[in-house]
């Protein structure tokens, strides 16, 4: 019965807790509006919705317990003091609905089920951001990273610099004292495009990315400094946001800054061509 409050109230409570913990500044990171796919709680099957979110929470608790077992094993092996541990999600909350044709697999709980929490709960999990997994708004791609490395990573600190998972390989190479190969099994390979995060992990600064780009199933985005351009495949137009003042992407500035929108869109297509992305998306 813990989740019978509904997704709107859960999201509001989590947002308030984030503010109280000092994780976000409400002045530039407001709670974004209700997601277009989050239907009214009054119209929902409360018993079913409460159960599937509770099952999801139980799975997260299981992950938490087993990470604890992993950390305990590192200590038992006496390798914990020189082991770097990075923990993050690969995307925002999942908005998928239950799948499978067998009705027995659509019930939350059994080990052979195929049930997800749906767009409303997925959106609530990403408070205060918009959207969720698959989308390129912050709710889909902005995830926290927990780094643990005794004597190296400063404890009880928060680093708000922008990083990307493509930075992992250069980071590991630098820590290992090696370089990313140029040839593999006689074939030339593309260079790693990430930038080592080691300075950030050590509590220092680094020269960050000039731009970062994303694409998945038609959704796309590009970020340069404070500017982020997003294409929502449901909306089918570019949206421009100033993340320095609007991290929650609540004020679309595309019409106010048409030249910046055009410029960033052009850079996104350059990136798509550079990476060999197969896209039939219209300009």
Protein backbone atom coordinates (compact mmCIF):
# COMPACT_ATOMS: atom_id res chain seq x y z
CA UNK A 1 0.00 0.00 0.00
CA UNK A 2 2.99 2.36 0.08
CA UNK A 3 2.45 3.52 -3.50
CA UNK A 4 -1.30 4.15 -3.32
CA UNK A 5 -0.47 7.85 -3.09
CA UNK A 6 -0.02 7.80 -6.87
CA UNK A 7 2.76 8.98 -9.15
CA UNK A 8 2.08 12.71 -8.84
CA UNK A 9 2.40 12.67 -5.03
CA UNK A 10 5.38 10.31 -5.08
CA UNK A 11 7.15 12.62 -7.51
CA UNK A 12 6.38 15.69 -5.41
CA UNK A 13 7.70 14.01 -2.25
CA UNK A 14 10.90 12.88 -3.92
CA UNK A 15 11.48 16.34 -5.34
CA UNK A 16 11.07 17.91 -1.91
CA UNK A 17 13.50 15.41 -0.41
CA UNK A 18 16.07 16.22 -3.10
CA UNK A 19 15.83 19.90 -2.19
CA UNK A 20 16.18 19.17 1.53
CA UNK A 21 19.27 17.03 0.88
CA UNK A 22 20.89 19.80 -1.18
CA UNK A 23 20.98 17.70 -4.33
CA UNK A 24 19.20 20.26 -6.51
CA UNK A 25 18.51 23.99 -6.55
CA UNK A 26 14.78 24.62 -7.12
CA UNK A 27 15.56 28.02 -8.68
CA UNK A 28 17.02 26.49 -11.82
CA UNK A 29 15.65 22.97 -11.49
CA UNK A 30 11.87 23.21 -10.98
CA UNK A 31 9.53 20.25 -10.98
CA UNK A 32 8.57 19.75 -14.63
CA UNK A 33 4.89 19.49 -15.67
CA UNK A 34 2.92 16.25 -15.78
CA UNK A 35 4.11 13.96 -18.56
CA UNK A 36 1.81 13.60 -21.56
CA UNK A 37 1.71 9.80 -21.12
CA UNK A 38 0.99 9.86 -17.38
CA UNK A 39 -2.76 9.33 -17.17
CA UNK A 40 -4.81 10.45 -14.18
CA UNK A 41 -4.33 8.47 -10.96
CA UNK A 42 -8.10 8.58 -10.44
CA UNK A 43 -8.52 6.50 -13.61
CA UNK A 44 -5.88 3.94 -12.65
CA UNK A 45 -6.27 0.48 -11.13
CA UNK A 46 -4.79 1.36 -7.74
CA UNK A 47 -4.22 -2.22 -6.61
CA UNK A 48 -2.34 -3.14 -9.79
CA UNK A 49 -0.32 0.09 -9.91
CA UNK A 50 0.63 -0.16 -6.24
CA UNK A 51 1.73 -3.77 -6.69
CA UNK A 52 3.90 -3.28 -9.75
CA UNK A 53 5.71 -0.30 -8.22
CA UNK A 54 6.21 -2.27 -4.99
CA UNK A 55 7.71 -5.17 -6.96
CA UNK A 56 10.02 -2.73 -8.70
CA UNK A 57 11.08 -1.30 -5.32
CA UNK A 58 11.77 -4.84 -4.08
CA UNK A 59 14.05 -5.42 -7.07
CA UNK A 60 15.98 -2.23 -6.28
CA UNK A 61 16.30 -3.41 -2.67
CA UNK A 62 17.70 -6.70 -3.97
CA UNK A 63 20.26 -4.80 -6.06
CA UNK A 64 21.23 -2.75 -3.00
CA UNK A 65 21.73 -5.84 -0.85
CA UNK A 66 23.88 -7.58 -3.44
CA UNK A 67 26.05 -4.53 -4.01
CA UNK A 68 26.63 -4.66 -0.26
CA UNK A 69 27.70 -8.30 -0.60
CA UNK A 70 30.06 -7.35 -3.43
CA UNK A 71 31.66 -4.60 -1.36
CA UNK A 72 32.00 -6.99 1.58
CA UNK A 73 33.73 -9.50 -0.70
CA UNK A 74 36.23 -6.85 -1.82
CA UNK A 75 37.08 -6.15 1.81
CA UNK A 76 37.37 -9.85 2.60
CA UNK A 77 39.78 -10.25 -0.34
CA UNK A 78 41.70 -7.19 0.93
CA UNK A 79 41.53 -5.46 -2.45
CA UNK A 80 39.01 -2.77 -1.49
CA UNK A 81 41.65 -0.10 -0.88
CA UNK A 82 42.87 -0.20 -4.48
CA UNK A 83 39.60 -0.89 -6.31
CA UNK A 84 37.63 1.77 -8.19
CA UNK A 85 33.89 1.14 -8.06
CA UNK A 86 31.54 3.08 -10.37
CA UNK A 87 27.79 2.67 -9.98
CA UNK A 88 25.20 4.26 -12.27
CA UNK A 89 22.08 3.58 -14.27
CA UNK A 90 22.36 3.27 -18.03
CA UNK A 91 19.32 5.53 -18.49
CA UNK A 92 16.41 7.14 -16.70
CA UNK A 93 13.37 5.35 -15.33
CA UNK A 94 11.75 2.88 -17.70
CA UNK A 95 8.37 3.75 -19.23
CA UNK A 96 7.66 0.37 -20.81
CA UNK A 97 4.36 -1.39 -20.22
CA UNK A 98 3.86 -5.09 -19.38
CA UNK A 99 4.76 -7.34 -22.28
CA UNK A 100 4.16 -10.90 -23.40
CA UNK A 101 1.03 -12.62 -24.70
CA UNK A 102 0.56 -14.97 -21.76
CA UNK A 103 -1.68 -13.23 -19.17
CA UNK A 104 0.19 -15.09 -16.43
CA UNK A 105 3.35 -13.19 -17.39
CA UNK A 106 1.63 -9.82 -16.97
CA UNK A 107 1.16 -10.14 -13.23
CA UNK A 108 3.75 -8.30 -11.08
CA UNK A 109 5.73 -10.61 -8.86
CA UNK A 110 6.47 -14.07 -10.29
CA UNK A 111 10.01 -14.68 -11.53
CA UNK A 112 8.76 -15.56 -15.02
CA UNK A 113 6.73 -12.38 -15.52
CA UNK A 114 7.51 -9.55 -17.90
CA UNK A 115 6.17 -6.45 -16.21
CA UNK A 116 7.48 -2.89 -16.24
CA UNK A 117 6.18 0.12 -14.32
CA UNK A 118 4.83 2.08 -17.30
CA UNK A 119 5.24 5.73 -18.31
CA UNK A 120 3.58 7.29 -15.26
CA UNK A 121 5.79 5.57 -12.67
CA UNK A 122 8.78 5.83 -15.02
CA UNK A 123 8.24 9.58 -15.20
CA UNK A 124 7.83 9.83 -11.41
CA UNK A 125 11.15 8.06 -10.87
CA UNK A 126 12.96 10.81 -12.76
CA UNK A 127 11.81 13.76 -10.66
CA UNK A 128 12.28 16.60 -11.38
CA UNK A 129 13.15 15.91 -15.03
CA UNK A 130 11.03 15.33 -18.12
CA UNK A 131 10.46 12.02 -19.90
CA UNK A 132 12.25 8.70 -19.23
CA UNK A 133 14.27 5.93 -20.84
CA UNK A 134 14.48 6.10 -24.68
CA UNK A 135 13.83 9.86 -24.69
CA UNK A 136 16.70 12.35 -24.87
CA UNK A 137 15.33 14.82 -22.34
CA UNK A 138 17.14 14.85 -18.99
CA UNK A 139 14.75 12.26 -17.57
CA UNK A 140 16.00 9.81 -20.17
CA UNK A 141 19.76 10.40 -20.12
CA UNK A 142 20.81 12.27 -16.96
CA UNK A 143 21.74 9.76 -14.26
CA UNK A 144 23.85 10.15 -11.12
CA UNK A 145 27.19 8.35 -10.82
CA UNK A 146 28.52 7.08 -7.50
CA UNK A 147 32.32 6.68 -7.43
CA UNK A 148 34.19 4.86 -4.65
CA UNK A 149 37.98 4.62 -4.43
CA UNK A 150 39.47 4.92 -0.92
CA UNK A 151 42.21 7.52 -0.68
CA UNK A 152 41.56 8.73 -4.23
CA UNK A 153 37.93 9.84 -4.56
CA UNK A 154 37.09 12.45 -1.88
CA UNK A 155 34.32 11.15 0.36
CA UNK A 156 31.01 12.96 0.94
CA UNK A 157 31.41 15.31 -2.03
CA UNK A 158 29.29 16.10 -5.09
CA UNK A 159 30.83 16.95 -8.47
CA UNK A 160 28.36 18.56 -10.87
CA UNK A 161 30.58 18.51 -13.96
CA UNK A 162 29.15 16.95 -17.12
CA UNK A 163 30.48 13.51 -18.03
CA UNK A 164 29.40 10.66 -20.29
CA UNK A 165 29.79 6.90 -20.26
CA UNK A 166 32.13 7.24 -23.25
CA UNK A 167 34.57 8.73 -20.73
CA UNK A 168 34.95 5.39 -18.95
CA UNK A 169 37.41 3.80 -21.39
CA UNK A 170 39.87 6.76 -21.39
CA UNK A 171 39.57 6.87 -17.60
CA UNK A 172 40.41 3.20 -17.18
CA UNK A 173 43.26 3.48 -19.68
CA UNK A 174 44.79 6.40 -17.79
CA UNK A 175 44.49 4.61 -14.45
CA UNK A 176 46.13 1.51 -15.96
CA UNK A 177 48.90 3.60 -17.51
CA UNK A 178 48.10 2.58 -21.05
CA UNK A 179 46.54 4.06 -24.19
CA UNK A 180 43.59 3.11 -26.36
CA UNK A 181 44.79 1.02 -29.34
CA UNK A 182 44.76 2.33 -32.89
CA UNK A 183 44.81 -1.12 -34.49
CA UNK A 184 43.02 -4.30 -33.43
CA UNK A 185 43.75 -7.62 -35.14
CA UNK A 186 45.24 -5.81 -38.10
CA UNK A 187 42.30 -3.44 -38.53
CA UNK A 188 42.34 0.31 -37.96
CA UNK A 189 39.78 1.29 -35.33
CA UNK A 190 38.22 4.63 -34.53
CA UNK A 191 39.76 6.48 -31.59
CA UNK A 192 37.88 6.61 -28.30
CA UNK A 193 35.87 9.84 -28.19
CA UNK A 194 35.63 10.14 -24.43
CA UNK A 195 37.77 12.22 -22.09
CA UNK A 196 39.33 10.77 -18.96
CA UNK A 197 37.31 11.48 -15.82
CA UNK A 198 40.27 10.84 -13.54
CA UNK A 199 40.70 14.54 -12.65
CA UNK A 200 37.01 14.75 -11.70
CA UNK A 201 37.27 11.60 -9.62
CA UNK A 202 40.23 13.11 -7.78
CA UNK A 203 38.25 16.25 -6.98
CA UNK A 204 39.91 18.40 -9.64
CA UNK A 205 38.66 20.05 -12.83
CA UNK A 206 39.19 19.04 -16.45
CA UNK A 207 38.72 20.37 -19.95
CA UNK A 208 35.27 18.98 -20.69
CA UNK A 209 33.45 18.02 -23.88
CA UNK A 210 32.83 20.72 -26.47
CA UNK A 211 29.66 18.87 -27.36
CA UNK A 212 27.82 15.64 -26.65
CA UNK A 213 25.26 13.99 -28.92
CA UNK A 214 22.65 11.26 -28.53
CA UNK A 215 20.16 9.31 -30.64
CA UNK A 216 17.84 6.40 -29.96
CA UNK A 217 14.84 5.19 -31.96
CA UNK A 218 14.33 8.62 -33.51
CA UNK A 219 14.81 10.69 -30.37
CA UNK A 220 17.95 12.82 -30.48
CA UNK A 221 19.82 15.57 -28.70
CA UNK A 222 22.98 17.63 -28.72
CA UNK A 223 24.52 19.58 -25.86
CA UNK A 224 27.08 22.37 -26.17
CA UNK A 225 27.89 24.14 -22.93
CA UNK A 226 24.69 25.48 -21.44
CA UNK A 227 22.67 24.81 -24.60
CA UNK A 228 20.80 21.60 -25.28
CA UNK A 229 18.77 20.85 -28.39
CA UNK A 230 16.27 17.98 -28.20
CA UNK A 231 14.13 16.22 -30.81
CA UNK A 232 11.12 14.38 -29.38
CA UNK A 233 9.81 11.83 -31.88
CA UNK A 234 6.26 12.38 -30.62
CA UNK A 235 6.45 16.18 -30.94
CA UNK A 236 8.50 16.09 -34.16
CA UNK A 237 10.25 19.43 -33.77
CA UNK A 238 13.44 20.76 -32.20
CA UNK A 239 13.31 22.06 -28.63
CA UNK A 240 16.04 24.36 -27.28
CA UNK A 241 16.89 24.73 -23.59
CA UNK A 242 19.35 26.74 -21.52
CA UNK A 243 20.41 24.18 -18.91
CA UNK A 244 22.24 26.78 -16.83
CA UNK A 245 18.90 28.30 -15.84
CA UNK A 246 16.43 25.54 -16.77
CA UNK A 247 17.83 22.09 -16.04
CA UNK A 248 14.32 20.61 -16.04
CA UNK A 249 13.74 21.73 -19.66
CA UNK A 250 10.51 23.60 -18.97
CA UNK A 251 11.04 26.63 -21.27
CA UNK A 252 11.53 25.87 -24.96
CA UNK A 253 13.65 28.67 -26.48
CA UNK A 254 13.72 27.40 -30.08
CA UNK A 255 11.56 30.22 -31.44
CA UNK A 256 13.41 32.83 -29.39
CA UNK A 257 16.81 31.66 -30.68
CA UNK A 258 16.19 30.22 -34.17
CA UNK A 259 19.82 30.67 -35.28
CA UNK A 260 21.17 28.74 -32.29
CA UNK A 261 18.59 26.02 -32.99
CA UNK A 262 19.68 25.78 -36.63
CA UNK A 263 23.36 25.78 -35.67
CA UNK A 264 23.03 22.99 -33.13
CA UNK A 265 20.86 20.91 -35.45
CA UNK A 266 23.57 21.15 -38.13
CA UNK A 267 26.18 19.97 -35.63
CA UNK A 268 23.97 17.03 -34.70
CA UNK A 269 23.77 15.93 -38.35
CA UNK A 270 27.55 16.27 -38.66
CA UNK A 271 27.94 13.98 -35.65
CA UNK A 272 25.45 11.49 -37.12
CA UNK A 273 27.47 11.34 -40.34
CA UNK A 274 30.76 11.05 -38.44
CA UNK A 275 29.56 8.10 -36.37
CA UNK A 276 27.89 6.31 -39.27
CA UNK A 277 24.45 6.63 -37.74
CA UNK A 278 21.81 5.38 -40.15
CA UNK A 279 19.00 7.88 -39.95
CA UNK A 280 16.13 8.79 -42.23
CA UNK A 281 15.04 11.63 -39.97
CA UNK A 282 13.98 14.73 -41.81
CA UNK A 283 15.89 17.91 -41.25
